PDB file of N, CA and C in Angstrom:
ATOM      1  N   MET A   1      74.194  93.720  95.016  1.00  0.00           N
ATOM      2  CA  MET A   1      74.441  93.000  96.244  1.00  0.00           C
ATOM      3  C   MET A   1      73.393  91.910  96.406  1.00  0.00           C
ATOM      4  N   SER A   2      73.845  90.797  96.930  1.00  0.00           N
ATOM      5  CA  SER A   2      72.961  89.659  97.124  1.00  0.00           C
ATOM      6  C   SER A   2      73.116  89.115  98.537  1.00  0.00           C
ATOM      7  N   VAL A   3      72.001  88.786  99.176  1.00  0.00           N
ATOM      8  CA  VAL A   3      72.024  88.166 100.499  1.00  0.00           C
ATOM      9  C   VAL A   3      72.079  86.660 100.307  1.00  0.00           C
ATOM     10  N   ARG A   4      73.027  86.030 100.978  1.00  0.00           N
ATOM     11  CA  ARG A   4      73.186  84.572 100.864  1.00  0.00           C
ATOM     12  C   ARG A   4      72.457  83.823 101.959  1.00  0.00           C
ATOM     13  N   ARG A   5      72.399  84.409 103.167  1.00  0.00           N
ATOM     14  CA  ARG A   5      71.685  83.770 104.277  1.00  0.00           C
ATOM     15  C   ARG A   5      71.478  84.781 105.390  1.00  0.00           C
ATOM     16  N   VAL A   6      70.474  84.538 106.202  1.00  0.00           N
ATOM     17  CA  VAL A   6      70.192  85.322 107.405  1.00  0.00           C
ATOM     18  C   VAL A   6      70.082  84.317 108.538  1.00  0.00           C
ATOM     19  N   VAL A   7      70.857  84.548 109.614  1.00  0.00           N
ATOM     20  CA  VAL A   7      70.967  83.560 110.682  1.00  0.00           C
ATOM     21  C   VAL A   7      70.782  84.233 112.034  1.00  0.00           C
ATOM     22  N   PRO A   8      69.897  83.712 112.891  1.00  0.00           N
ATOM     23  CA  PRO A   8      69.824  84.245 114.250  1.00  0.00           C
ATOM     24  C   PRO A   8      71.065  83.840 115.041  1.00  0.00           C
ATOM     25  N   ASP A   9      71.581  84.776 115.823  1.00  0.00           N
ATOM     26  CA  ASP A   9      72.695  84.517 116.732  1.00  0.00           C
ATOM     27  C   ASP A   9      72.123  84.460 118.141  1.00  0.00           C
ATOM     28  N   ILE A  10      72.279  83.316 118.791  1.00  0.00           N
ATOM     29  CA  ILE A  10      71.724  83.120 120.131  1.00  0.00           C
ATOM     30  C   ILE A  10      72.863  83.097 121.131  1.00  0.00           C
ATOM     31  N   GLN A  11      72.877  84.085 122.025  1.00  0.00           N
ATOM     32  CA  GLN A  11      73.891  84.085 123.076  1.00  0.00           C
ATOM     33  C   GLN A  11      73.506  83.010 124.086  1.00  0.00           C
ATOM     34  N   SER A  12      74.478  82.169 124.450  1.00  0.00           N
ATOM     35  CA  SER A  12      74.184  81.019 125.297  1.00  0.00           C
ATOM     36  C   SER A  12      75.234  80.847 126.376  1.00  0.00           C
ATOM     37  N   LYS A  13      74.762  80.492 127.562  1.00  0.00           N
ATOM     38  CA  LYS A  13      75.647  80.075 128.654  1.00  0.00           C
ATOM     39  C   LYS A  13      75.610  78.555 128.787  1.00  0.00           C
ATOM     40  N   ALA A  14      74.861  77.910 127.903  1.00  0.00           N
ATOM     41  CA  ALA A  14      74.711  76.448 127.911  1.00  0.00           C
ATOM     42  C   ALA A  14      74.908  75.947 126.478  1.00  0.00           C
ATOM     43  N   MET A  15      76.126  76.053 125.991  1.00  0.00           N
ATOM     44  CA  MET A  15      76.411  75.746 124.588  1.00  0.00           C
ATOM     45  C   MET A  15      76.089  74.294 124.226  1.00  0.00           C
ATOM     46  N   GLU A  16      76.569  73.337 125.006  1.00  0.00           N
ATOM     47  CA  GLU A  16      76.333  71.931 124.677  1.00  0.00           C
ATOM     48  C   GLU A  16      74.857  71.580 124.745  1.00  0.00           C
ATOM     49  N   GLU A  17      74.190  72.044 125.801  1.00  0.00           N
ATOM     50  CA  GLU A  17      72.754  71.768 125.948  1.00  0.00           C
ATOM     51  C   GLU A  17      71.966  72.400 124.800  1.00  0.00           C
ATOM     52  N   SER A  18      72.360  73.607 124.403  1.00  0.00           N
ATOM     53  CA  SER A  18      71.674  74.286 123.291  1.00  0.00           C
ATOM     54  C   SER A  18      71.911  73.541 121.985  1.00  0.00           C
ATOM     55  N   ARG A  19      73.153  73.112 121.751  1.00  0.00           N
ATOM     56  CA  ARG A  19      73.459  72.339 120.542  1.00  0.00           C
ATOM     57  C   ARG A  19      72.613  71.069 120.506  1.00  0.00           C
ATOM     58  N   ASP A  20      72.528  70.391 121.634  1.00  0.00           N
ATOM     59  CA  ASP A  20      71.736  69.161 121.699  1.00  0.00           C
ATOM     60  C   ASP A  20      70.258  69.436 121.453  1.00  0.00           C
ATOM     61  N   PHE A  21      69.731  70.532 122.022  1.00  0.00           N
ATOM     62  CA  PHE A  21      68.328  70.892 121.825  1.00  0.00           C
ATOM     63  C   PHE A  21      68.033  71.130 120.348  1.00  0.00           C
ATOM     64  N   TYR A  22      68.842  71.947 119.693  1.00  0.00           N
ATOM     65  CA  TYR A  22      68.600  72.239 118.282  1.00  0.00           C
ATOM     66  C   TYR A  22      68.856  71.011 117.406  1.00  0.00           C
ATOM     67  N   GLY A  23      69.657  70.071 117.913  1.00  0.00           N
ATOM     68  CA  GLY A  23      69.822  68.802 117.228  1.00  0.00           C
ATOM     69  C   GLY A  23      68.520  68.021 117.182  1.00  0.00           C
ATOM     70  N   LEU A  24      67.726  68.138 118.236  1.00  0.00           N
ATOM     71  CA  LEU A  24      66.410  67.486 118.254  1.00  0.00           C
ATOM     72  C   LEU A  24      65.499  68.029 117.160  1.00  0.00           C
ATOM     73  N   LEU A  25      65.755  69.267 116.730  1.00  0.00           N
ATOM     74  CA  LEU A  25      64.960  69.901 115.676  1.00  0.00           C
ATOM     75  C   LEU A  25      65.533  69.646 114.283  1.00  0.00           C
ATOM     76  N   GLY A  26      66.612  68.853 114.221  1.00  0.00           N
ATOM     77  CA  GLY A  26      67.167  68.465 112.929  1.00  0.00           C
ATOM     78  C   GLY A  26      68.399  69.227 112.488  1.00  0.00           C
ATOM     79  N   LEU A  27      68.925  70.110 113.343  1.00  0.00           N
ATOM     80  CA  LEU A  27      70.124  70.863 112.967  1.00  0.00           C
ATOM     81  C   LEU A  27      71.372  70.114 113.419  1.00  0.00           C
ATOM     82  N   GLU A  28      72.424  70.161 112.580  1.00  0.00           N
ATOM     83  CA  GLU A  28      73.678  69.488 112.876  1.00  0.00           C
ATOM     84  C   GLU A  28      74.810  70.499 112.971  1.00  0.00           C
ATOM     85  N   GLU A  29      75.773  70.215 113.828  1.00  0.00           N
ATOM     86  CA  GLU A  29      76.933  71.093 113.980  1.00  0.00           C
ATOM     87  C   GLU A  29      77.767  71.070 112.706  1.00  0.00           C
ATOM     88  N   VAL A  30      78.040  72.263 112.151  1.00  0.00           N
ATOM     89  CA  VAL A  30      78.871  72.361 110.954  1.00  0.00           C
ATOM     90  C   VAL A  30      80.154  73.149 111.210  1.00  0.00           C
ATOM     91  N   MET A  31      80.208  73.860 112.352  1.00  0.00           N
ATOM     92  CA  MET A  31      81.419  74.586 112.735  1.00  0.00           C
ATOM     93  C   MET A  31      81.399  74.753 114.243  1.00  0.00           C
ATOM     94  N   ASN A  32      82.575  74.598 114.864  1.00  0.00           N
ATOM     95  CA  ASN A  32      82.676  74.797 116.301  1.00  0.00           C
ATOM     96  C   ASN A  32      84.044  75.383 116.610  1.00  0.00           C
ATOM     97  N   LEU A  33      84.065  76.665 117.026  1.00  0.00           N
ATOM     98  CA  LEU A  33      85.305  77.321 117.416  1.00  0.00           C
ATOM     99  C   LEU A  33      85.411  77.449 118.929  1.00  0.00           C
ATOM    100  N   GLY A  34      84.539  76.743 119.653  1.00  0.00           N
ATOM    101  CA  GLY A  34      84.522  76.816 121.111  1.00  0.00           C
ATOM    102  C   GLY A  34      83.577  77.898 121.607  1.00  0.00           C
ATOM    103  N   TRP A  35      83.801  79.119 121.199  1.00  0.00           N
ATOM    104  CA  TRP A  35      82.955  80.245 121.614  1.00  0.00           C
ATOM    105  C   TRP A  35      81.782  80.464 120.669  1.00  0.00           C
ATOM    106  N   VAL A  36      81.830  79.861 119.491  1.00  0.00           N
ATOM    107  CA  VAL A  36      80.739  79.960 118.515  1.00  0.00           C
ATOM    108  C   VAL A  36      80.540  78.597 117.862  1.00  0.00           C
ATOM    109  N   VAL A  37      79.271  78.192 117.773  1.00  0.00           N
ATOM    110  CA  VAL A  37      78.893  76.929 117.133  1.00  0.00           C
ATOM    111  C   VAL A  37      77.842  77.247 116.082  1.00  0.00           C
ATOM    112  N   ASN A  38      78.074  76.773 114.862  1.00  0.00           N
ATOM    113  CA  ASN A  38      77.124  76.970 113.782  1.00  0.00           C
ATOM    114  C   ASN A  38      76.406  75.654 113.531  1.00  0.00           C
ATOM    115  N   LEU A  39      75.082  75.697 113.563  1.00  0.00           N
ATOM    116  CA  LEU A  39      74.243  74.529 113.317  1.00  0.00           C
ATOM    117  C   LEU A  39      73.479  74.748 112.018  1.00  0.00           C
ATOM    118  N   ALA A  40      73.348  73.694 111.215  1.00  0.00           N
ATOM    119  CA  ALA A  40      72.659  73.820 109.926  1.00  0.00           C
ATOM    120  C   ALA A  40      71.814  72.588 109.658  1.00  0.00           C
ATOM    121  N   SER A  41      70.826  72.791 108.814  1.00  0.00           N
ATOM    122  CA  SER A  41      69.995  71.688 108.352  1.00  0.00           C
ATOM    123  C   SER A  41      70.757  70.914 107.282  1.00  0.00           C
ATOM    124  N   PRO A  42      70.859  69.599 107.402  1.00  0.00           N
ATOM    125  CA  PRO A  42      71.550  68.830 106.363  1.00  0.00           C
ATOM    126  C   PRO A  42      70.830  68.869 105.016  1.00  0.00           C
ATOM    127  N   SER A  43      69.521  69.058 105.029  1.00  0.00           N
ATOM    128  CA  SER A  43      68.773  69.086 103.767  1.00  0.00           C
ATOM    129  C   SER A  43      68.661  70.482 103.166  1.00  0.00           C
ATOM    130  N   ASN A  44      68.925  71.517 103.964  1.00  0.00           N
ATOM    131  CA  ASN A  44      68.868  72.902 103.494  1.00  0.00           C
ATOM    132  C   ASN A  44      69.967  73.684 104.219  1.00  0.00           C
ATOM    133  N   PRO A  45      71.209  73.630 103.732  1.00  0.00           N
ATOM    134  CA  PRO A  45      72.350  74.158 104.471  1.00  0.00           C
ATOM    135  C   PRO A  45      72.297  75.652 104.806  1.00  0.00           C
ATOM    136  N   THR A  46      71.438  76.425 104.166  1.00  0.00           N
ATOM    137  CA  THR A  46      71.342  77.845 104.526  1.00  0.00           C
ATOM    138  C   THR A  46      70.386  78.076 105.693  1.00  0.00           C
ATOM    139  N   ALA A  47      69.663  77.040 106.118  1.00  0.00           N
ATOM    140  CA  ALA A  47      68.821  77.133 107.316  1.00  0.00           C
ATOM    141  C   ALA A  47      69.722  76.858 108.512  1.00  0.00           C
ATOM    142  N   GLN A  48      70.050  77.909 109.262  1.00  0.00           N
ATOM    143  CA  GLN A  48      71.063  77.803 110.296  1.00  0.00           C
ATOM    144  C   GLN A  48      70.682  78.546 111.563  1.00  0.00           C
ATOM    145  N   VAL A  49      71.356  78.170 112.652  1.00  0.00           N
ATOM    146  CA  VAL A  49      71.307  78.872 113.933  1.00  0.00           C
ATOM    147  C   VAL A  49      72.744  78.957 114.421  1.00  0.00           C
ATOM    148  N   ILE A  50      73.131  80.112 114.948  1.00  0.00           N
ATOM    149  CA  ILE A  50      74.459  80.277 115.537  1.00  0.00           C
ATOM    150  C   ILE A  50      74.301  80.421 117.039  1.00  0.00           C
ATOM    151  N   LEU A  51      75.072  79.620 117.777  1.00  0.00           N
ATOM    152  CA  LEU A  51      75.141  79.717 119.235  1.00  0.00           C
ATOM    153  C   LEU A  51      76.458  80.389 119.578  1.00  0.00           C
ATOM    154  N   MET A  52      76.430  81.325 120.510  1.00  0.00           N
ATOM    155  CA  MET A  52      77.631  82.084 120.821  1.00  0.00           C
ATOM    156  C   MET A  52      77.688  82.378 122.315  1.00  0.00           C
ATOM    157  N   SER A  53      78.795  81.997 122.952  1.00  0.00           N
ATOM    158  CA  SER A  53      78.961  82.336 124.366  1.00  0.00           C
ATOM    159  C   SER A  53      79.334  83.804 124.515  1.00  0.00           C
ATOM    160  N   ARG A  54      80.122  84.296 123.574  1.00  0.00           N
ATOM    161  CA  ARG A  54      80.543  85.695 123.473  1.00  0.00           C
ATOM    162  C   ARG A  54      81.154  85.827 122.091  1.00  0.00           C
ATOM    163  N   ASP A  55      81.420  87.030 121.649  1.00  0.00           N
ATOM    164  CA  ASP A  55      82.122  87.192 120.383  1.00  0.00           C
ATOM    165  C   ASP A  55      83.598  87.372 120.697  1.00  0.00           C
ATOM    166  N   GLU A  56      84.421  86.550 120.108  1.00  0.00           N
ATOM    167  CA  GLU A  56      85.856  86.519 120.405  1.00  0.00           C
ATOM    168  C   GLU A  56      86.586  87.806 120.030  1.00  0.00           C
ATOM    169  N   THR A  57      86.157  88.497 118.976  1.00  0.00           N
ATOM    170  CA  THR A  57      86.924  89.650 118.496  1.00  0.00           C
ATOM    171  C   THR A  57      86.135  90.953 118.461  1.00  0.00           C
ATOM    172  N   ALA A  58      84.935  90.953 119.000  1.00  0.00           N
ATOM    173  CA  ALA A  58      84.102  92.153 118.962  1.00  0.00           C
ATOM    174  C   ALA A  58      83.626  92.506 120.373  1.00  0.00           C
ATOM    175  N   PRO A  59      83.248  93.770 120.577  1.00  0.00           N
ATOM    176  CA  PRO A  59      82.862  94.209 121.916  1.00  0.00           C
ATOM    177  C   PRO A  59      81.474  93.752 122.369  1.00  0.00           C
ATOM    178  N   VAL A  60      80.637  93.306 121.442  1.00  0.00           N
ATOM    179  CA  VAL A  60      79.281  92.859 121.772  1.00  0.00           C
ATOM    180  C   VAL A  60      78.975  91.575 121.015  1.00  0.00           C
ATOM    181  N   THR A  61      77.952  90.877 121.461  1.00  0.00           N
ATOM    182  CA  THR A  61      77.469  89.692 120.762  1.00  0.00           C
ATOM    183  C   THR A  61      76.342  90.129 119.835  1.00  0.00           C
ATOM    184  N   PRO A  62      76.414  89.791 118.550  1.00  0.00           N
ATOM    185  CA  PRO A  62      75.366  90.221 117.622  1.00  0.00           C
ATOM    186  C   PRO A  62      74.055  89.466 117.858  1.00  0.00           C
ATOM    187  N   ASP A  63      72.972  90.071 117.388  1.00  0.00           N
ATOM    188  CA  ASP A  63      71.655  89.444 117.466  1.00  0.00           C
ATOM    189  C   ASP A  63      71.368  88.574 116.249  1.00  0.00           C
ATOM    190  N   MET A  64      71.976  88.923 115.122  1.00  0.00           N
ATOM    191  CA  MET A  64      71.778  88.158 113.899  1.00  0.00           C
ATOM    192  C   MET A  64      72.965  88.365 112.985  1.00  0.00           C
ATOM    193  N   SER A  65      73.144  87.428 112.062  1.00  0.00           N
ATOM    194  CA  SER A  65      74.185  87.535 111.044  1.00  0.00           C
ATOM    195  C   SER A  65      73.526  87.509 109.677  1.00  0.00           C
ATOM    196  N   ILE A  66      74.018  88.374 108.800  1.00  0.00           N
ATOM    197  CA  ILE A  66      73.555  88.385 107.413  1.00  0.00           C
ATOM    198  C   ILE A  66      74.784  88.229 106.527  1.00  0.00           C
ATOM    199  N   GLU A  67      74.817  87.135 105.775  1.00  0.00           N
ATOM    200  CA  GLU A  67      75.918  86.914 104.842  1.00  0.00           C
ATOM    201  C   GLU A  67      75.563  87.533 103.504  1.00  0.00           C
ATOM    202  N   VAL A  68      76.467  88.341 102.983  1.00  0.00           N
ATOM    203  CA  VAL A  68      76.265  89.016 101.697  1.00  0.00           C
ATOM    204  C   VAL A  68      77.398  88.655 100.751  1.00  0.00           C
ATOM    205  N   ASP A  69      77.189  88.898  99.460  1.00  0.00           N
ATOM    206  CA  ASP A  69      78.225  88.565  98.484  1.00  0.00           C
ATOM    207  C   ASP A  69      79.293  89.650  98.363  1.00  0.00           C
ATOM    208  N   ASP A  70      79.016  90.883  98.820  1.00  0.00           N
ATOM    209  CA  ASP A  70      79.989  91.973  98.739  1.00  0.00           C
ATOM    210  C   ASP A  70      79.935  92.807 100.017  1.00  0.00           C
ATOM    211  N   VAL A  71      80.638  92.344 101.046  1.00  0.00           N
ATOM    212  CA  VAL A  71      80.585  92.994 102.352  1.00  0.00           C
ATOM    213  C   VAL A  71      81.150  94.419 102.294  1.00  0.00           C
ATOM    214  N   ASP A  72      82.118  94.675 101.427  1.00  0.00           N
ATOM    215  CA  ASP A  72      82.678  96.025 101.320  1.00  0.00           C
ATOM    216  C   ASP A  72      81.643  97.016 100.780  1.00  0.00           C
ATOM    217  N   ALA A  73      80.867  96.606  99.788  1.00  0.00           N
ATOM    218  CA  ALA A  73      79.828  97.476  99.237  1.00  0.00           C
ATOM    219  C   ALA A  73      78.732  97.742 100.265  1.00  0.00           C
ATOM    220  N   VAL A  74      78.360  96.706 101.012  1.00  0.00           N
ATOM    221  CA  VAL A  74      77.342  96.888 102.048  1.00  0.00           C
ATOM    222  C   VAL A  74      77.866  97.819 103.136  1.00  0.00           C
ATOM    223  N   HIS A  75      79.112  97.645 103.529  1.00  0.00           N
ATOM    224  CA  HIS A  75      79.716  98.519 104.544  1.00  0.00           C
ATOM    225  C   HIS A  75      79.670  99.973 104.080  1.00  0.00           C
ATOM    226  N   ALA A  76      80.053 100.230 102.840  1.00  0.00           N
ATOM    227  CA  ALA A  76      80.036 101.596 102.312  1.00  0.00           C
ATOM    228  C   ALA A  76      78.631 102.182 102.348  1.00  0.00           C
ATOM    229  N   ALA A  77      77.630 101.391 101.958  1.00  0.00           N
ATOM    230  CA  ALA A  77      76.241 101.871 101.964  1.00  0.00           C
ATOM    231  C   ALA A  77      75.769 102.168 103.378  1.00  0.00           C
ATOM    232  N   VAL A  78      76.130 101.315 104.328  1.00  0.00           N
ATOM    233  CA  VAL A  78      75.718 101.502 105.719  1.00  0.00           C
ATOM    234  C   VAL A  78      76.381 102.746 106.310  1.00  0.00           C
ATOM    235  N   VAL A  79      77.670 102.920 106.047  1.00  0.00           N
ATOM    236  CA  VAL A  79      78.379 104.111 106.530  1.00  0.00           C
ATOM    237  C   VAL A  79      77.747 105.370 105.938  1.00  0.00           C
ATOM    238  N   ASP A  80      77.452 105.357 104.638  1.00  0.00           N
ATOM    239  CA  ASP A  80      76.820 106.509 103.987  1.00  0.00           C
ATOM    240  C   ASP A  80      75.457 106.834 104.583  1.00  0.00           C
ATOM    241  N   SER A  81      74.766 105.808 105.088  1.00  0.00           N
ATOM    242  CA  SER A  81      73.430 106.024 105.660  1.00  0.00           C
ATOM    243  C   SER A  81      73.498 106.692 107.030  1.00  0.00           C
ATOM    244  N   GLY A  82      74.677 106.655 107.665  1.00  0.00           N
ATOM    245  CA  GLY A  82      74.829 107.231 108.995  1.00  0.00           C
ATOM    246  C   GLY A  82      74.540 106.268 110.122  1.00  0.00           C
ATOM    247  N   ALA A  83      74.282 104.997 109.809  1.00  0.00           N
ATOM    248  CA  ALA A  83      74.021 104.006 110.855  1.00  0.00           C
ATOM    249  C   ALA A  83      75.263 103.812 111.711  1.00  0.00           C
ATOM    250  N   GLU A  84      75.046 103.403 112.958  1.00  0.00           N
ATOM    251  CA  GLU A  84      76.147 103.224 113.905  1.00  0.00           C
ATOM    252  C   GLU A  84      76.909 101.928 113.628  1.00  0.00           C
ATOM    253  N   ILE A  85      78.188 102.062 113.347  1.00  0.00           N
ATOM    254  CA  ILE A  85      79.066 100.899 113.207  1.00  0.00           C
ATOM    255  C   ILE A  85      79.528 100.518 114.618  1.00  0.00           C
ATOM    256  N   VAL A  86      79.216  99.297 115.026  1.00  0.00           N
ATOM    257  CA  VAL A  86      79.518  98.826 116.378  1.00  0.00           C
ATOM    258  C   VAL A  86      80.875  98.122 116.419  1.00  0.00           C
ATOM    259  N   HIS A  87      81.255  97.503 115.309  1.00  0.00           N
ATOM    260  CA  HIS A  87      82.523  96.779 115.188  1.00  0.00           C
ATOM    261  C   HIS A  87      83.027  97.034 113.770  1.00  0.00           C
ATOM    262  N   PRO A  88      84.277  97.480 113.614  1.00  0.00           N
ATOM    263  CA  PRO A  88      84.756  97.893 112.290  1.00  0.00           C
ATOM    264  C   PRO A  88      84.896  96.732 111.311  1.00  0.00           C
ATOM    265  N   LEU A  89      84.888  97.079 110.045  1.00  0.00           N
ATOM    266  CA  LEU A  89      85.111  96.110 108.979  1.00  0.00           C
ATOM    267  C   LEU A  89      86.519  95.536 109.120  1.00  0.00           C
ATOM    268  N   GLN A  90      86.607  94.207 109.189  1.00  0.00           N
ATOM    269  CA  GLN A  90      87.916  93.575 109.313  1.00  0.00           C
ATOM    270  C   GLN A  90      87.861  92.132 108.866  1.00  0.00           C
ATOM    271  N   ASP A  91      89.028  91.624 108.515  1.00  0.00           N
ATOM    272  CA  ASP A  91      89.183  90.210 108.177  1.00  0.00           C
ATOM    273  C   ASP A  91      89.434  89.441 109.464  1.00  0.00           C
ATOM    274  N   GLU A  92      88.731  88.323 109.621  1.00  0.00           N
ATOM    275  CA  GLU A  92      88.874  87.491 110.818  1.00  0.00           C
ATOM    276  C   GLU A  92      89.710  86.257 110.481  1.00  0.00           C
ATOM    277  N   GLU A  93      90.381  85.713 111.479  1.00  0.00           N
ATOM    278  CA  GLU A  93      91.296  84.592 111.262  1.00  0.00           C
ATOM    279  C   GLU A  93      90.583  83.318 110.800  1.00  0.00           C
ATOM    280  N   TRP A  94      89.267  83.223 111.002  1.00  0.00           N
ATOM    281  CA  TRP A  94      88.544  82.016 110.581  1.00  0.00           C
ATOM    282  C   TRP A  94      87.989  82.140 109.168  1.00  0.00           C
ATOM    283  N   GLY A  95      88.439  83.160 108.428  1.00  0.00           N
ATOM    284  CA  GLY A  95      88.153  83.214 106.995  1.00  0.00           C
ATOM    285  C   GLY A  95      86.986  84.070 106.552  1.00  0.00           C
ATOM    286  N   VAL A  96      86.502  84.951 107.411  1.00  0.00           N
ATOM    287  CA  VAL A  96      85.413  85.842 106.995  1.00  0.00           C
ATOM    288  C   VAL A  96      85.875  87.294 107.079  1.00  0.00           C
ATOM    289  N   ARG A  97      85.182  88.168 106.373  1.00  0.00           N
ATOM    290  CA  ARG A  97      85.354  89.612 106.471  1.00  0.00           C
ATOM    291  C   ARG A  97      84.026  90.124 106.983  1.00  0.00           C
ATOM    292  N   ARG A  98      84.022  90.952 108.040  1.00  0.00           N
ATOM    293  CA  ARG A  98      82.753  91.330 108.652  1.00  0.00           C
ATOM    294  C   ARG A  98      82.833  92.670 109.367  1.00  0.00           C
ATOM    295  N   PHE A  99      81.629  93.185 109.672  1.00  0.00           N
ATOM    296  CA  PHE A  99      81.470  94.346 110.542  1.00  0.00           C
ATOM    297  C   PHE A  99      80.126  94.220 111.235  1.00  0.00           C
ATOM    298  N   PHE A 100      79.944  94.973 112.326  1.00  0.00           N
ATOM    299  CA  PHE A 100      78.668  94.996 113.034  1.00  0.00           C
ATOM    300  C   PHE A 100      78.063  96.379 112.876  1.00  0.00           C
ATOM    301  N   VAL A 101      76.747  96.419 112.704  1.00  0.00           N
ATOM    302  CA  VAL A 101      76.014  97.670 112.624  1.00  0.00           C
ATOM    303  C   VAL A 101      74.772  97.553 113.502  1.00  0.00           C
ATOM    304  N   ARG A 102      74.366  98.679 114.105  1.00  0.00           N
ATOM    305  CA  ARG A 102      73.154  98.690 114.929  1.00  0.00           C
ATOM    306  C   ARG A 102      71.978  99.099 114.050  1.00  0.00           C
ATOM    307  N   ASP A 103      70.902  98.299 114.073  1.00  0.00           N
ATOM    308  CA  ASP A 103      69.715  98.620 113.277  1.00  0.00           C
ATOM    309  C   ASP A 103      68.854  99.658 114.011  1.00  0.00           C
ATOM    310  N   PRO A 104      67.797 100.180 113.390  1.00  0.00           N
ATOM    311  CA  PRO A 104      66.966 101.207 114.028  1.00  0.00           C
ATOM    312  C   PRO A 104      66.287 100.759 115.320  1.00  0.00           C
ATOM    313  N   ASN A 105      66.229  99.444 115.559  1.00  0.00           N
ATOM    314  CA  ASN A 105      65.615  98.906 116.777  1.00  0.00           C
ATOM    315  C   ASN A 105      66.630  98.657 117.882  1.00  0.00           C
ATOM    316  N   GLY A 106      67.886  98.965 117.614  1.00  0.00           N
ATOM    317  CA  GLY A 106      68.939  98.746 118.591  1.00  0.00           C
ATOM    318  C   GLY A 106      69.586  97.375 118.505  1.00  0.00           C
ATOM    319  N   ARG A 107      69.148  96.547 117.562  1.00  0.00           N
ATOM    320  CA  ARG A 107      69.716  95.208 117.390  1.00  0.00           C
ATOM    321  C   ARG A 107      71.054  95.297 116.665  1.00  0.00           C
ATOM    322  N   VAL A 108      71.991  94.459 117.059  1.00  0.00           N
ATOM    323  CA  VAL A 108      73.303  94.442 116.433  1.00  0.00           C
ATOM    324  C   VAL A 108      73.321  93.351 115.351  1.00  0.00           C
ATOM    325  N   VAL A 109      73.680  93.775 114.128  1.00  0.00           N
ATOM    326  CA  VAL A 109      73.719  92.875 112.985  1.00  0.00           C
ATOM    327  C   VAL A 109      75.169  92.658 112.564  1.00  0.00           C
ATOM    328  N   ASN A 110      75.563  91.404 112.506  1.00  0.00           N
ATOM    329  CA  ASN A 110      76.879  90.995 112.014  1.00  0.00           C
ATOM    330  C   ASN A 110      76.736  90.825 110.508  1.00  0.00           C
ATOM    331  N   VAL A 111      77.346  91.699 109.734  1.00  0.00           N
ATOM    332  CA  VAL A 111      77.304  91.595 108.268  1.00  0.00           C
ATOM    333  C   VAL A 111      78.600  90.942 107.833  1.00  0.00           C
ATOM    334  N   VAL A 112      78.500  89.817 107.160  1.00  0.00           N
ATOM    335  CA  VAL A 112      79.651  88.956 106.916  1.00  0.00           C
ATOM    336  C   VAL A 112      79.734  88.544 105.452  1.00  0.00           C
ATOM    337  N   GLY A 113      80.959  88.416 104.988  1.00  0.00           N
ATOM    338  CA  GLY A 113      81.221  87.882 103.657  1.00  0.00           C
ATOM    339  C   GLY A 113      82.302  86.821 103.743  1.00  0.00           C
ATOM    340  N   HIS A 114      82.193  85.820 102.911  1.00  0.00           N
ATOM    341  CA  HIS A 114      83.219  84.773 102.826  1.00  0.00           C
ATOM    342  C   HIS A 114      84.009  85.016 101.542  1.00  0.00           C
ATOM    343  N   GLY A 115      85.337  84.970 101.689  1.00  0.00           N
ATOM    344  CA  GLY A 115      86.277  85.160 100.591  1.00  0.00           C
ATOM    345  C   GLY A 115      85.713  84.908  99.279  1.00  0.00           C
TER     346      GLY A 115
END
């Protein structure tokens, strides 16, 4: 298994203002679904911040996202460990396969894979 990126997920009630603020730091919008905006560095595309008003298909908003190359293998390992699955493994309409798990500190991690 390989980690492709680790991204903080920031819950926001001020999406446009937050996007503009992080733009001052050099991040550019690379995806906008209305409820989630992904910002990335043009010179280092894996340096990212996700802004989220809420999660459209999950019961909670995650604290961070970790993109992996084999989300099914990671899911199996996490389930075997006994960690709490907060949102089941599923394919999302925007092209990712993901699940949420709670870490030992109570933080919710969105584990995601792209086709």
